[in-house]
Amino acid sequence: MSEVIINNIHLSNLASCIRNNLGVSSKYTVKTMPSAISMMKYDDRINYLDVVTGDISSIYNSNITYVRNHAFNSCFRLTNVSLPNVITVGSYAFGNCTALNSLYMPQATTIQLGAFSNCSYLTSVDLPAVTDLYSSAFADCIRLTNANLPSLLHLGSSAFANCGSLVSINMPSVNRVGSYALYGCTSLSYIDLPCASIIEDDAFYDCTALESASLPVAKEIYFEAFADCISLSEIYLPSATIVRENAFLYCSSLTTVSLPAVEQIWDYAFGGCMNLVSLYLLGSNVPAMSTMNVFDDTPLNYLEGNVFVPASMYSLYMDDPVWHNYPITSMS
């Protein structure tokens, strides 16, 4: 059996067949059928689907609303999934389905932990209704090139980690980017997150092709959020008030940074940015900065380049015990 068209009757009959002949232990294999599924369970009351191991290439069901944890994990021949009314996909439900290349779930709102992790042949994801994408949901999908998530609000930690072929991701509504969410997405060159206010630790760490990032409402840039983004040349963060440790560490192509609202810049935030020559601080306060290692191994630390400040703030910067060591330049 290479294709399974699942409906309520088929599920009930198959589950009954398994119980009557083999019990309910997943240690057994269905011998009365062509080695398609080793165990399937169905509960009419809650409309759940739960399949434990199998040899299935295609799945369609218009009634299922919830796919349980590990339901299709490691179904190595599974290539097509169409569940038009599914709402929630459980943890690791399709993890390690290494042949999966077609996914249709237009009503799904929640994709849980590792649900599609290591689906190494999945090339495109279009989930228009998803609002919550949990940790590692699509981690290690090494051929994934495009992801469309127009309703997404929360991007979980490591959600797309190590998706090295990802070139485009659409998340216009996301408000928080989790730690390591796009870690190692080495083909991603541009990111536009108009609603994201929090960028957590290592969110874009090692995105080596990232050249530009639009983050108009981001308030906090966490630890190593953009570390080793070696192609990033310019960053403008109009709403950022806190830039934490190592946030842009070793962004070796970074030349220009604008932080008009910044209040705190933490240790080594721009350390190793060897081409950083222009820093714009055009707000109405002097940002707190405890030591000079914030700009360690940058031209600014050697009085090269410019730290541009409003003319009205120039004397305050020059009186500051740390900032006066930098090339402060007044802008009228």
Protein backbone atom coordinates (compact mmCIF):
# COMPACT_ATOMS: atom_id res chain seq x y z
CA MET A 1 0.00 0.00 0.00
CA SER A 2 1.75 3.18 -1.18
CA GLU A 3 -1.13 5.64 -0.82
CA VAL A 4 -3.53 5.99 2.06
CA ILE A 5 -6.80 7.90 1.68
CA ILE A 6 -7.98 8.06 5.28
CA ASN A 7 -11.59 8.52 6.34
CA ASN A 8 -13.54 7.68 9.46
CA ILE A 9 -14.64 4.24 8.28
CA HIS A 10 -11.18 3.20 7.14
CA LEU A 11 -9.66 4.34 10.41
CA SER A 12 -12.23 2.55 12.56
CA ASN A 13 -11.98 -0.66 10.57
CA LEU A 14 -8.20 -0.65 10.53
CA ALA A 15 -7.94 0.07 14.24
CA SER A 16 -10.42 -2.74 14.93
CA CYS A 17 -8.45 -5.11 12.70
CA ILE A 18 -5.24 -4.33 14.56
CA ARG A 19 -6.83 -4.74 18.00
CA ASN A 20 -8.56 -8.03 17.11
CA ASN A 21 -5.56 -9.64 15.46
CA LEU A 22 -2.47 -8.14 17.02
CA GLY A 23 -3.38 -6.28 20.19
CA VAL A 24 -2.36 -2.64 20.53
CA SER A 25 1.38 -2.93 21.02
CA SER A 26 3.50 -1.06 18.47
CA LYS A 27 6.01 -3.92 18.67
CA TYR A 28 3.88 -5.86 16.18
CA THR A 29 3.43 -5.44 12.45
CA VAL A 30 0.15 -5.69 10.59
CA LYS A 31 0.54 -8.92 8.65
CA THR A 32 -2.94 -9.07 7.15
CA MET A 33 -2.25 -5.89 5.12
CA PRO A 34 0.54 -5.00 2.67
CA SER A 35 3.00 -3.76 5.32
CA ALA A 36 1.61 -0.24 5.10
CA ILE A 37 1.06 0.68 8.74
CA SER A 38 2.20 -1.00 11.93
CA MET A 39 -0.39 0.65 14.15
CA MET A 40 -3.20 3.19 13.76
CA LYS A 41 -5.59 4.48 16.38
CA TYR A 42 -8.61 6.70 15.98
CA ASP A 43 -10.90 8.36 18.48
CA ASP A 44 -14.18 9.62 16.95
CA ARG A 45 -14.93 11.82 19.94
CA ILE A 46 -11.90 14.07 19.67
CA ASN A 47 -11.04 13.56 16.02
CA TYR A 48 -7.40 12.67 16.64
CA LEU A 49 -5.11 10.79 14.32
CA ASP A 50 -2.24 8.72 15.70
CA VAL A 51 -0.08 6.51 13.55
CA VAL A 52 2.96 4.82 15.06
CA THR A 53 5.61 3.97 12.41
CA GLY A 54 4.71 3.18 8.86
CA ASP A 55 5.50 2.88 5.18
CA ILE A 56 3.20 5.50 3.66
CA SER A 57 3.85 7.81 0.71
CA SER A 58 0.71 9.97 0.64
CA ILE A 59 -1.86 11.04 3.23
CA TYR A 60 -5.15 12.86 2.76
CA ASN A 61 -7.87 13.47 5.33
CA SER A 62 -10.47 16.23 5.46
CA ASN A 63 -11.77 15.46 8.97
CA ILE A 64 -8.66 15.35 11.13
CA THR A 65 -8.13 18.45 13.29
CA TYR A 66 -5.22 17.27 15.46
CA VAL A 67 -2.18 15.14 14.65
CA ARG A 68 -0.71 13.62 17.81
CA ASN A 69 2.91 13.69 18.94
CA HIS A 70 5.21 11.45 16.89
CA ALA A 71 2.25 10.37 14.72
CA PHE A 72 4.20 10.02 11.47
CA ASN A 73 7.73 10.35 12.83
CA SER A 74 10.32 8.64 10.64
CA CYS A 75 7.87 7.64 7.88
CA PHE A 76 10.74 7.68 5.42
CA ARG A 77 8.63 7.19 2.27
CA LEU A 78 6.07 9.87 3.06
CA THR A 79 6.16 12.50 0.29
CA ASN A 80 2.74 14.22 0.35
CA VAL A 81 0.56 15.37 3.24
CA SER A 82 -2.82 17.04 2.76
CA LEU A 83 -4.80 17.74 5.93
CA PRO A 84 -7.01 20.70 4.98
CA ASN A 85 -8.77 21.01 8.34
CA VAL A 86 -6.01 20.18 10.77
CA ILE A 87 -5.56 22.85 13.49
CA THR A 88 -2.69 21.52 15.60
CA VAL A 89 0.31 19.41 14.65
CA GLY A 90 1.87 17.68 17.65
CA SER A 91 5.51 17.42 18.65
CA TYR A 92 7.71 15.54 16.17
CA ALA A 93 4.55 14.47 14.32
CA PHE A 94 6.38 14.48 10.97
CA GLY A 95 9.96 14.63 12.26
CA ASN A 96 12.52 12.74 10.18
CA CYS A 97 10.12 12.31 7.26
CA THR A 98 13.09 12.73 4.99
CA ALA A 99 11.19 12.33 1.70
CA LEU A 100 8.37 14.78 2.49
CA ASN A 101 8.19 17.43 -0.24
CA SER A 102 4.54 18.55 -0.31
CA LEU A 103 2.62 19.96 2.64
CA TYR A 104 -0.95 21.33 2.65
CA MET A 105 -2.40 22.52 5.96
CA PRO A 106 -4.23 25.81 5.27
CA GLN A 107 -6.12 25.87 8.61
CA ALA A 108 -3.26 24.88 10.94
CA THR A 109 -2.63 27.45 13.69
CA THR A 110 -0.15 25.62 15.94
CA ILE A 111 2.94 23.68 14.93
CA GLN A 112 4.52 22.12 18.01
CA LEU A 113 8.04 21.08 19.00
CA GLY A 114 10.08 19.58 16.17
CA ALA A 115 6.95 18.79 14.15
CA PHE A 116 8.77 18.88 10.81
CA SER A 117 12.39 18.75 11.96
CA ASN A 118 14.84 17.07 9.61
CA CYS A 119 12.36 16.89 6.73
CA SER A 120 15.33 17.17 4.44
CA TYR A 121 13.43 17.18 1.11
CA LEU A 122 10.90 19.85 2.05
CA THR A 123 11.57 22.88 -0.15
CA SER A 124 8.66 25.23 0.52
CA VAL A 125 6.30 25.97 3.41
CA ASP A 126 3.05 27.93 3.08
CA LEU A 127 1.07 28.01 6.34
CA PRO A 128 -1.24 31.02 6.10
CA ALA A 129 -3.07 30.49 9.43
CA VAL A 130 -0.20 29.50 11.74
CA THR A 131 0.20 31.81 14.73
CA ASP A 132 2.55 29.73 16.91
CA LEU A 133 5.61 27.92 15.66
CA TYR A 134 7.29 26.01 18.48
CA SER A 135 10.94 25.17 19.05
CA SER A 136 12.75 23.35 16.23
CA ALA A 137 9.54 23.10 14.20
CA PHE A 138 11.44 23.11 10.89
CA ALA A 139 15.00 22.73 12.16
CA ASP A 140 17.45 20.98 9.84
CA CYS A 141 15.19 21.17 6.80
CA ILE A 142 18.29 21.60 4.69
CA ARG A 143 16.53 22.06 1.31
CA LEU A 144 13.88 24.50 2.51
CA THR A 145 14.15 27.66 0.41
CA ASN A 146 10.91 29.59 1.10
CA ALA A 147 8.59 29.96 4.08
CA ASN A 148 5.36 31.96 4.07
CA LEU A 149 3.89 32.55 7.53
CA PRO A 150 1.74 35.69 7.23
CA SER A 151 -0.17 35.18 10.51
CA LEU A 152 2.73 34.04 12.69
CA LEU A 153 3.02 35.83 16.06
CA HIS A 154 5.68 33.85 17.90
CA LEU A 155 8.67 32.22 16.26
CA GLY A 156 10.03 29.62 18.67
CA SER A 157 13.65 28.87 19.47
CA SER A 158 15.59 27.08 16.73
CA ALA A 159 12.42 27.01 14.60
CA PHE A 160 14.41 27.20 11.35
CA ALA A 161 17.87 26.47 12.73
CA ASN A 162 20.33 25.10 10.17
CA CYS A 163 18.00 25.63 7.22
CA GLY A 164 21.00 26.46 5.09
CA SER A 165 19.08 26.86 1.81
CA LEU A 166 16.46 29.29 3.15
CA VAL A 167 16.49 32.43 1.01
CA SER A 168 13.08 33.94 1.78
CA ILE A 169 10.87 34.00 4.86
CA ASN A 170 7.71 36.07 5.22
CA MET A 171 6.63 36.80 8.81
CA PRO A 172 5.04 40.28 8.77
CA SER A 173 3.12 39.76 12.02
CA VAL A 174 5.69 38.06 14.22
CA ASN A 175 6.29 39.96 17.48
CA ARG A 176 9.04 37.86 19.05
CA VAL A 177 11.90 35.96 17.46
CA GLY A 178 13.10 33.11 19.70
CA SER A 179 16.68 32.15 20.47
CA TYR A 180 18.52 30.47 17.58
CA ALA A 181 15.32 30.80 15.51
CA LEU A 182 17.23 31.29 12.26
CA TYR A 183 20.65 30.17 13.39
CA GLY A 184 22.83 28.96 10.54
CA CYS A 185 20.46 30.08 7.76
CA THR A 186 23.48 30.77 5.60
CA SER A 187 21.57 31.67 2.41
CA LEU A 188 19.23 34.26 3.94
CA SER A 189 20.22 37.72 2.69
CA TYR A 190 17.34 39.93 3.87
CA ILE A 191 14.89 39.95 6.74
CA ASP A 192 11.89 42.25 7.25
CA LEU A 193 10.15 42.02 10.61
CA PRO A 194 7.89 45.08 10.93
CA CYS A 195 6.22 43.94 14.18
CA ALA A 196 9.06 42.17 16.03
CA SER A 197 9.86 43.91 19.31
CA ILE A 198 12.16 41.26 20.84
CA ILE A 199 15.07 39.54 19.10
CA GLU A 200 16.30 36.82 21.46
CA ASP A 201 19.75 35.27 21.95
CA ASP A 202 21.52 34.04 18.81
CA ALA A 203 18.37 34.52 16.72
CA PHE A 204 20.34 35.21 13.53
CA TYR A 205 23.70 33.88 14.63
CA ASP A 206 25.87 32.75 11.71
CA CYS A 207 23.51 34.01 9.01
CA THR A 208 26.58 34.63 6.90
CA ALA A 209 24.74 35.92 3.79
CA LEU A 210 22.52 38.40 5.68
CA GLU A 211 23.13 41.84 4.18
CA SER A 212 20.18 43.82 5.49
CA ALA A 213 17.63 43.63 8.32
CA SER A 214 14.56 45.82 8.79
CA LEU A 215 13.49 45.90 12.44
CA PRO A 216 11.56 49.15 12.93
CA VAL A 217 9.97 48.34 16.31
CA ALA A 218 12.60 46.08 17.90
CA LYS A 219 13.15 47.23 21.50
CA GLU A 220 15.80 44.75 22.62
CA ILE A 221 18.54 42.98 20.73
CA TYR A 222 19.68 40.05 22.87
CA PHE A 223 22.99 38.21 23.33
CA GLU A 224 24.72 37.34 20.03
CA ALA A 225 21.51 37.99 18.11
CA PHE A 226 23.44 38.88 14.94
CA ALA A 227 26.88 37.51 15.81
CA ASP A 228 28.97 36.33 12.84
CA CYS A 229 26.63 37.91 10.29
CA ILE A 230 29.70 38.68 8.21
CA SER A 231 27.81 40.20 5.23
CA LEU A 232 25.75 42.68 7.26
CA SER A 233 26.94 46.13 6.20
CA GLU A 234 24.48 48.54 7.80
CA ILE A 235 21.96 48.39 10.63
CA TYR A 236 19.27 50.91 11.58
CA LEU A 237 17.33 50.22 14.79
CA PRO A 238 15.03 53.21 15.32
CA SER A 239 13.27 51.79 18.40
CA ALA A 240 15.99 49.76 20.10
CA THR A 241 16.66 50.83 23.68
CA ILE A 242 18.97 47.95 24.70
CA VAL A 243 21.70 46.26 22.68
CA ARG A 244 23.04 43.36 24.75
CA GLU A 245 26.39 41.57 24.95
CA ASN A 246 27.95 40.40 21.71
CA ALA A 247 24.82 41.37 19.77
CA PHE A 248 26.78 42.15 16.59
CA LEU A 249 30.03 40.39 17.47
CA TYR A 250 32.33 39.82 14.47
CA CYS A 251 30.03 41.43 11.93
CA SER A 252 33.12 42.17 9.91
CA SER A 253 31.38 44.02 7.02
CA LEU A 254 29.39 46.34 9.27
CA THR A 255 30.31 49.95 8.50
CA THR A 256 27.34 52.01 9.72
CA VAL A 257 25.09 51.70 12.79
CA SER A 258 22.22 54.01 13.72
CA LEU A 259 20.67 53.79 17.20
CA PRO A 260 18.54 56.92 17.77
CA ALA A 261 16.67 55.56 20.82
CA VAL A 262 19.34 53.45 22.51
CA GLU A 263 19.74 53.73 26.30
CA GLN A 264 22.15 50.86 27.04
CA ILE A 265 24.90 49.22 25.01
CA TRP A 266 26.38 46.16 26.69
CA ASP A 267 29.84 44.58 26.60
CA TYR A 268 31.30 43.62 23.22
CA ALA A 269 28.02 44.50 21.48
CA PHE A 270 30.04 45.52 18.42
CA GLY A 271 33.27 43.75 19.22
CA GLY A 272 35.27 42.62 16.21
CA CYS A 273 33.32 44.82 13.76
CA MET A 274 36.58 45.73 12.10
CA ASN A 275 35.06 48.08 9.52
CA LEU A 276 32.67 50.00 11.76
CA VAL A 277 33.47 53.67 11.13
CA SER A 278 30.10 55.43 11.52
CA LEU A 279 27.91 55.31 14.62
CA TYR A 280 24.83 57.56 14.79
CA LEU A 281 23.47 58.31 18.27
CA LEU A 282 20.96 61.04 17.59
CA GLY A 283 18.73 60.58 20.62
CA SER A 284 18.25 62.90 23.57
CA ASN A 285 20.26 60.86 26.09
CA VAL A 286 23.79 59.54 26.49
CA PRO A 287 23.60 55.72 26.32
CA ALA A 288 24.95 53.86 29.34
CA MET A 289 28.15 51.98 28.52
CA SER A 290 30.28 50.64 31.37
CA THR A 291 33.57 49.96 29.58
CA MET A 292 35.38 50.52 26.30
CA ASN A 293 35.12 46.90 25.26
CA VAL A 294 31.74 47.58 23.62
CA PHE A 295 33.62 48.52 20.45
CA ASP A 296 36.62 46.27 21.01
CA ASP A 297 38.73 45.76 17.89
CA THR A 298 36.87 48.36 15.83
CA PRO A 299 38.24 51.57 14.26
CA LEU A 300 36.20 53.58 16.77
CA ASN A 301 38.37 52.23 19.57
CA TYR A 302 41.38 53.78 17.83
CA LEU A 303 39.75 57.19 17.32
CA GLU A 304 39.09 56.44 13.67
CA GLY A 305 35.72 57.15 12.07
CA ASN A 306 32.94 59.11 13.77
CA VAL A 307 30.39 58.82 16.54
CA PHE A 308 27.75 61.31 15.40
CA VAL A 309 25.70 63.01 18.14
CA PRO A 310 23.33 66.00 18.22
CA ALA A 311 25.04 69.35 18.74
CA SER A 312 22.99 69.85 21.89
CA MET A 313 24.41 66.61 23.34
CA TYR A 314 28.05 67.07 22.37
CA SER A 315 29.25 68.44 25.72
CA LEU A 316 27.48 65.64 27.61
CA TYR A 317 29.29 63.01 25.56
CA MET A 318 32.63 64.77 26.02
CA ASP A 319 32.06 64.87 29.80
CA ASP A 320 31.14 61.19 29.96
CA PRO A 321 33.98 59.06 31.47
CA VAL A 322 33.66 56.44 28.71
CA TRP A 323 32.30 58.20 25.64
CA HIS A 324 34.91 60.95 25.68
CA ASN A 325 37.44 58.31 24.56
CA TYR A 326 35.70 57.98 21.20
CA PRO A 327 35.73 60.23 18.10
CA ILE A 328 32.64 62.26 19.02
CA THR A 329 31.38 64.41 16.15
CA SER A 330 28.72 67.08 16.54
CA MET A 331 25.85 67.16 14.04
CA SER A 332 23.97 70.43 13.68
